[in-house]
């Protein structure tokens, strides 16, 4: 995390480091004080996770070639909170794709206080000066019942180069806003918002909800979505690109990022794109025994002669 951002969230905005997983399982109703604790504790983690994931993608030669024609990109951050995921992505774009000059963002969250904090961070001069134009549409719209999610998605008419959602689906699932097959349902509503070169990142916490491990629900939800939507493919984890809709394993996907002192808990995540882009990104990567979690378990269906990180999109 850049020093200006660290100083801003702790010294200017009053963020405090107070980890409490149980207290932050439901953030839709968090007040300003609770959001400051979240800002100082979990914002750095989300920043690190988002930055590391997208920096890895931006080191993929085929992806960069597809994006070099664009000096403007668009982002949908769904469940943006105070903006750790969004700021991590902007940092990766600024560092790895310096030809991008214009950013258009739609930032959605159900918590008004969190969106106010996000606005202060995004509009901080050190952030804005990195791009020629940085335009943000803030959407603090609460979701309280099952009809709210598809209704909100239905009014989104734009297409985006990045659709990003970190640690949001577990709350929708826990609160029965998406009561069944949460990840398949989430992907089903939002994948269609991708441009032809768009990438979607869906990341969550690998906790247990309603008797189900979310890391396993995510791998199953990804396959269910792919089976019903032939125009898309996974790009991460890599064995899900190789087999995808043909696989029936209940994999436990998890990874830990250590880029920041506060970022040391595992997450579960996947990325997908339209089929043509996914093929370009993944076709030149090595195949082998794909490690799919921090326990060094390998995909049971795709085997090879060497051990490979299932989340690494760089040439290996």
Protein backbone atom coordinates (compact mmCIF):
# COMPACT_ATOMS: atom_id res chain seq x y z
CA UNK A 1 0.00 0.00 0.00
CA UNK A 2 1.44 3.42 -0.90
CA UNK A 3 2.49 5.54 2.05
CA UNK A 4 0.11 8.39 1.17
CA UNK A 5 -2.85 6.00 1.37
CA UNK A 6 -1.73 4.39 4.61
CA UNK A 7 -1.25 7.82 6.19
CA UNK A 8 -4.62 9.03 4.92
CA UNK A 9 -6.71 6.14 6.27
CA UNK A 10 -5.02 6.10 9.70
CA UNK A 11 -3.99 9.71 10.34
CA UNK A 12 -6.66 11.65 8.46
CA UNK A 13 -9.68 9.33 8.57
CA UNK A 14 -9.10 7.79 11.99
CA UNK A 15 -8.84 4.15 10.94
CA UNK A 16 -7.96 1.77 13.79
CA UNK A 17 -6.65 -1.78 13.78
CA UNK A 18 -9.13 -3.88 15.78
CA UNK A 19 -9.57 -7.35 14.22
CA UNK A 20 -12.85 -9.07 15.10
CA UNK A 21 -14.13 -11.50 12.49
CA UNK A 22 -17.52 -11.99 14.19
CA UNK A 23 -18.19 -8.26 14.53
CA UNK A 24 -17.62 -7.66 10.82
CA UNK A 25 -19.67 -10.51 9.37
CA UNK A 26 -22.57 -8.11 8.77
CA UNK A 27 -21.45 -4.72 7.49
CA UNK A 28 -24.63 -3.47 5.82
CA UNK A 29 -25.73 -1.71 9.02
CA UNK A 30 -22.29 -0.59 10.29
CA UNK A 31 -22.19 2.91 11.74
CA UNK A 32 -19.34 5.41 11.28
CA UNK A 33 -17.32 4.15 14.27
CA UNK A 34 -17.51 0.53 13.12
CA UNK A 35 -16.54 1.55 9.59
CA UNK A 36 -13.43 3.28 10.96
CA UNK A 37 -12.42 0.03 12.62
CA UNK A 38 -13.07 -1.80 9.36
CA UNK A 39 -11.06 0.82 7.49
CA UNK A 40 -8.03 0.33 9.72
CA UNK A 41 -8.26 -3.46 9.90
CA UNK A 42 -9.71 -4.94 6.72
CA UNK A 43 -9.20 -2.21 4.12
CA UNK A 44 -5.43 -3.00 3.94
CA UNK A 45 -6.22 -6.69 3.48
CA UNK A 46 -8.67 -6.06 0.65
CA UNK A 47 -6.22 -3.64 -0.96
CA UNK A 48 -3.45 -6.23 -0.87
CA UNK A 49 -5.64 -9.06 -2.17
CA UNK A 50 -7.01 -6.98 -5.04
CA UNK A 51 -3.62 -5.51 -5.95
CA UNK A 52 -1.85 -8.89 -5.97
CA UNK A 53 -4.56 -10.59 -8.03
CA UNK A 54 -4.75 -7.88 -10.69
CA UNK A 55 -0.99 -7.27 -10.81
CA UNK A 56 -0.66 -10.96 -11.62
CA UNK A 57 -3.27 -10.68 -14.40
CA UNK A 58 -1.56 -7.57 -15.78
CA UNK A 59 1.67 -9.56 -16.10
CA UNK A 60 -0.07 -11.91 -18.53
CA UNK A 61 1.20 -11.03 -22.02
CA UNK A 62 -1.98 -11.99 -23.86
CA UNK A 63 -4.16 -9.93 -21.53
CA UNK A 64 -1.91 -6.88 -21.86
CA UNK A 65 -2.00 -7.15 -25.66
CA UNK A 66 -5.82 -7.16 -25.55
CA UNK A 67 -5.87 -4.06 -23.33
CA UNK A 68 -3.15 -1.95 -24.98
CA UNK A 69 -5.66 -0.41 -27.36
CA UNK A 70 -7.58 1.10 -24.43
CA UNK A 71 -6.68 4.35 -22.76
CA UNK A 72 -9.99 4.29 -20.84
CA UNK A 73 -11.33 1.52 -18.62
CA UNK A 74 -14.52 1.05 -16.65
CA UNK A 75 -14.96 -0.62 -13.25
CA UNK A 76 -17.98 -1.93 -11.36
CA UNK A 77 -17.18 -2.46 -7.69
CA UNK A 78 -20.12 -4.38 -6.23
CA UNK A 79 -20.05 -4.20 -2.45
CA UNK A 80 -17.28 -1.59 -2.53
CA UNK A 81 -17.38 -0.84 1.21
CA UNK A 82 -14.67 1.65 2.11
CA UNK A 83 -12.83 0.81 -1.11
CA UNK A 84 -9.87 -1.48 -0.36
CA UNK A 85 -10.57 -3.65 -3.41
CA UNK A 86 -11.08 -0.64 -5.67
CA UNK A 87 -7.90 1.12 -4.52
CA UNK A 88 -5.88 -2.07 -4.96
CA UNK A 89 -7.12 -2.36 -8.54
CA UNK A 90 -6.36 1.31 -9.26
CA UNK A 91 -2.84 0.85 -7.88
CA UNK A 92 -2.26 -2.15 -10.17
CA UNK A 93 -3.61 -0.26 -13.21
CA UNK A 94 -1.42 2.75 -12.47
CA UNK A 95 1.68 0.60 -12.02
CA UNK A 96 1.20 -2.08 -14.68
CA UNK A 97 -0.88 -0.34 -17.40
CA UNK A 98 0.43 3.26 -17.45
CA UNK A 99 -1.19 3.96 -20.82
CA UNK A 100 -4.62 3.97 -19.15
CA UNK A 101 -5.55 7.64 -18.62
CA UNK A 102 -9.29 7.60 -17.94
CA UNK A 103 -11.20 5.60 -15.32
CA UNK A 104 -14.98 5.34 -15.03
CA UNK A 105 -16.20 3.68 -11.83
CA UNK A 106 -19.57 2.56 -10.52
CA UNK A 107 -19.22 1.92 -6.80
CA UNK A 108 -22.13 0.12 -5.12
CA UNK A 109 -22.61 -0.68 -1.45
CA UNK A 110 -25.56 -1.01 0.89
CA UNK A 111 -23.87 0.98 3.66
CA UNK A 112 -24.08 4.75 3.25
CA UNK A 113 -21.30 5.53 5.78
CA UNK A 114 -18.86 3.24 3.97
CA UNK A 115 -19.57 4.92 0.63
CA UNK A 116 -18.93 8.35 2.19
CA UNK A 117 -15.51 7.11 3.35
CA UNK A 118 -14.79 5.63 -0.06
CA UNK A 119 -15.59 8.97 -1.69
CA UNK A 120 -13.02 10.73 0.54
CA UNK A 121 -10.35 8.18 -0.38
CA UNK A 122 -11.00 8.08 -4.13
CA UNK A 123 -11.06 11.87 -4.39
CA UNK A 124 -7.85 12.31 -2.41
CA UNK A 125 -5.47 14.33 -4.67
CA UNK A 126 -2.69 11.71 -4.55
CA UNK A 127 -5.11 9.24 -6.09
CA UNK A 128 -6.73 11.50 -8.67
CA UNK A 129 -3.44 12.85 -10.04
CA UNK A 130 -2.49 9.38 -11.30
CA UNK A 131 -5.08 9.58 -14.08
CA UNK A 132 -6.16 12.21 -16.56
CA UNK A 133 -9.82 11.65 -15.64
CA UNK A 134 -11.31 9.72 -12.72
CA UNK A 135 -15.11 9.68 -12.70
CA UNK A 136 -17.08 7.84 -10.02
CA UNK A 137 -20.79 7.18 -9.72
CA UNK A 138 -21.53 6.35 -6.07
CA UNK A 139 -24.52 4.10 -5.41
CA UNK A 140 -25.33 3.67 -1.69
CA UNK A 141 -28.39 1.46 -2.18
CA UNK A 142 -29.34 -0.99 0.62
CA UNK A 143 -30.46 -4.54 -0.16
CA UNK A 144 -32.86 -6.05 2.33
CA UNK A 145 -34.93 -8.65 0.43
CA UNK A 146 -34.41 -11.22 -2.35
CA UNK A 147 -35.93 -9.06 -5.09
CA UNK A 148 -33.42 -6.26 -4.48
CA UNK A 149 -30.39 -8.00 -6.01
CA UNK A 150 -31.79 -8.84 -9.46
CA UNK A 151 -33.63 -5.50 -9.51
CA UNK A 152 -30.40 -3.57 -8.95
CA UNK A 153 -28.50 -5.66 -11.50
CA UNK A 154 -31.28 -5.10 -13.99
CA UNK A 155 -30.85 -1.33 -13.97
CA UNK A 156 -27.13 -1.60 -14.79
CA UNK A 157 -27.03 -0.92 -18.53
CA UNK A 158 -23.28 -0.33 -18.97
CA UNK A 159 -20.57 -2.87 -19.73
CA UNK A 160 -17.38 -2.93 -17.68
CA UNK A 161 -13.75 -3.90 -18.17
CA UNK A 162 -13.63 -5.00 -14.54
CA UNK A 163 -16.43 -6.32 -12.35
CA UNK A 164 -15.10 -6.74 -8.83
CA UNK A 165 -16.77 -8.06 -5.70
CA UNK A 166 -14.85 -8.86 -2.52
CA UNK A 167 -16.47 -10.42 0.57
CA UNK A 168 -19.99 -9.39 -0.43
CA UNK A 169 -21.73 -12.61 -1.44
CA UNK A 170 -21.37 -14.19 2.01
CA UNK A 171 -23.48 -11.36 3.46
CA UNK A 172 -26.12 -11.70 0.75
CA UNK A 173 -26.23 -15.45 1.44
CA UNK A 174 -26.26 -15.12 5.24
CA UNK A 175 -29.12 -12.60 5.11
CA UNK A 176 -31.10 -14.69 2.57
CA UNK A 177 -30.95 -11.97 -0.08
CA UNK A 178 -29.51 -14.72 -2.27
CA UNK A 179 -30.81 -17.79 -0.45
CA UNK A 180 -29.69 -20.59 -2.79
CA UNK A 181 -26.61 -21.23 -4.95
CA UNK A 182 -25.21 -17.78 -4.07
CA UNK A 183 -22.13 -17.75 -6.31
CA UNK A 184 -23.84 -19.19 -9.38
CA UNK A 185 -26.65 -16.65 -8.92
CA UNK A 186 -24.21 -13.77 -8.46
CA UNK A 187 -22.20 -14.69 -11.55
CA UNK A 188 -25.41 -15.19 -13.49
CA UNK A 189 -26.56 -11.64 -12.86
CA UNK A 190 -23.27 -9.79 -13.33
CA UNK A 191 -21.11 -11.67 -15.86
CA UNK A 192 -23.23 -10.26 -18.68
CA UNK A 193 -22.01 -6.78 -17.69
CA UNK A 194 -18.48 -7.57 -18.94
CA UNK A 195 -17.05 -6.03 -22.09
CA UNK A 196 -15.48 -8.36 -24.67
CA UNK A 197 -12.14 -7.94 -22.84
CA UNK A 198 -13.70 -7.68 -19.40
CA UNK A 199 -12.65 -9.72 -16.36
CA UNK A 200 -14.71 -10.50 -13.28
CA UNK A 201 -13.17 -11.13 -9.85
CA UNK A 202 -15.32 -12.78 -7.19
CA UNK A 203 -13.60 -13.15 -3.80
CA UNK A 204 -14.92 -14.16 -0.41
CA UNK A 205 -13.99 -15.42 3.03
CA UNK A 206 -13.70 -19.23 3.36
CA UNK A 207 -16.04 -19.48 6.34
CA UNK A 208 -18.90 -21.85 7.01
CA UNK A 209 -22.44 -20.55 6.45
CA UNK A 210 -25.67 -22.55 6.79
CA UNK A 211 -23.58 -25.70 7.13
CA UNK A 212 -21.68 -25.08 3.90
CA UNK A 213 -18.05 -24.08 3.41
CA UNK A 214 -18.06 -20.99 1.20
CA UNK A 215 -14.82 -22.04 -0.52
CA UNK A 216 -16.54 -25.21 -1.72
CA UNK A 217 -19.74 -23.36 -2.62
CA UNK A 218 -17.71 -20.99 -4.78
CA UNK A 219 -16.05 -23.76 -6.82
CA UNK A 220 -19.41 -25.45 -7.28
CA UNK A 221 -21.13 -22.17 -8.16
CA UNK A 222 -18.48 -21.38 -10.76
CA UNK A 223 -19.04 -24.74 -12.48
CA UNK A 224 -22.82 -24.37 -12.33
CA UNK A 225 -22.58 -20.98 -13.98
CA UNK A 226 -20.23 -22.24 -16.71
CA UNK A 227 -22.49 -25.21 -17.48
CA UNK A 228 -25.38 -22.83 -18.14
CA UNK A 229 -23.38 -20.11 -19.94
CA UNK A 230 -21.24 -21.37 -22.80
CA UNK A 231 -19.92 -17.91 -23.72
CA UNK A 232 -17.69 -17.67 -20.64
CA UNK A 233 -14.73 -19.52 -19.13
CA UNK A 234 -12.83 -19.40 -15.87
CA UNK A 235 -9.32 -18.01 -15.98
CA UNK A 236 -8.61 -18.63 -12.29
CA UNK A 237 -8.22 -21.20 -10.85
CA UNK A 238 -6.44 -22.62 -13.89
CA UNK A 239 -7.81 -26.19 -13.61
CA UNK A 240 -11.29 -24.67 -13.82
CA UNK A 241 -10.26 -23.26 -17.20
CA UNK A 242 -8.95 -26.67 -18.31
CA UNK A 243 -12.03 -28.64 -17.19
CA UNK A 244 -14.57 -26.04 -16.08
CA UNK A 245 -18.09 -27.19 -16.83
CA UNK A 246 -16.95 -30.83 -17.21
CA UNK A 247 -15.84 -31.17 -13.57
CA UNK A 248 -17.95 -32.32 -10.62
CA UNK A 249 -15.38 -32.14 -7.81
CA UNK A 250 -16.19 -30.21 -4.60
CA UNK A 251 -12.85 -28.37 -4.43
CA UNK A 252 -11.85 -26.21 -1.47
CA UNK A 253 -10.29 -23.13 -3.09
CA UNK A 254 -8.25 -20.81 -0.86
CA UNK A 255 -5.17 -18.64 -0.97
CA UNK A 256 -3.40 -16.23 1.38
CA UNK A 257 -1.72 -12.96 0.40
CA UNK A 258 1.14 -11.62 2.50
CA UNK A 259 1.74 -8.28 0.81
CA UNK A 260 0.77 -6.27 3.90
CA UNK A 261 1.33 -6.79 7.60
CA UNK A 262 -2.43 -6.93 8.14
CA UNK A 263 -3.15 -9.24 5.20
CA UNK A 264 -2.59 -12.78 6.45
CA UNK A 265 -5.92 -14.61 6.31
CA UNK A 266 -6.98 -16.98 3.53
CA UNK A 267 -9.57 -16.01 0.94
CA UNK A 268 -11.39 -17.96 -1.74
CA UNK A 269 -11.67 -16.51 -5.22
CA UNK A 270 -12.21 -17.08 -8.90
CA UNK A 271 -11.96 -15.00 -12.07
CA UNK A 272 -13.80 -15.39 -15.35
CA UNK A 273 -14.04 -13.73 -18.76
CA UNK A 274 -15.75 -14.20 -22.07
CA UNK A 275 -14.54 -17.33 -23.80
CA UNK A 276 -12.27 -15.72 -26.41
CA UNK A 277 -10.35 -13.64 -23.87
CA UNK A 278 -10.12 -16.55 -21.41
CA UNK A 279 -8.61 -18.73 -24.12
CA UNK A 280 -6.05 -16.05 -25.03
CA UNK A 281 -5.03 -15.55 -21.40
CA UNK A 282 -4.72 -19.22 -20.46
CA UNK A 283 -3.70 -21.10 -23.60
CA UNK A 284 0.06 -20.56 -23.28
CA UNK A 285 0.33 -21.41 -19.56
CA UNK A 286 1.92 -24.61 -18.35
CA UNK A 287 -0.16 -27.56 -17.16
CA UNK A 288 0.64 -29.79 -14.22
CA UNK A 289 -0.47 -30.62 -10.69
CA UNK A 290 -2.37 -27.45 -9.79
CA UNK A 291 -2.15 -26.41 -6.11
CA UNK A 292 -5.60 -25.07 -5.21
CA UNK A 293 -5.27 -24.09 -1.53
CA UNK A 294 -2.94 -23.27 1.35
CA UNK A 295 -2.90 -26.91 2.45
CA UNK A 296 -1.04 -27.69 -0.80
CA UNK A 297 -3.86 -29.89 -2.07
CA UNK A 298 -3.85 -30.37 -5.83
CA UNK A 299 -6.71 -30.55 -8.28
CA UNK A 300 -7.74 -34.22 -8.50
CA UNK A 301 -8.83 -34.06 -12.13
CA UNK A 302 -5.96 -32.27 -13.92
CA UNK A 303 -2.53 -33.83 -13.40
CA UNK A 304 0.93 -33.23 -14.84
CA UNK A 305 4.63 -33.62 -14.29
CA UNK A 306 5.27 -30.50 -12.21
CA UNK A 307 3.56 -28.58 -9.40
CA UNK A 308 1.92 -25.29 -10.45
CA UNK A 309 0.14 -22.50 -8.56
CA UNK A 310 -3.48 -22.70 -9.77
CA UNK A 311 -3.88 -18.92 -9.30
CA UNK A 312 -0.81 -17.77 -11.25
CA UNK A 313 -1.48 -16.26 -14.71
CA UNK A 314 2.16 -15.44 -15.41
CA UNK A 315 4.13 -17.67 -17.78
CA UNK A 316 5.73 -20.50 -15.85
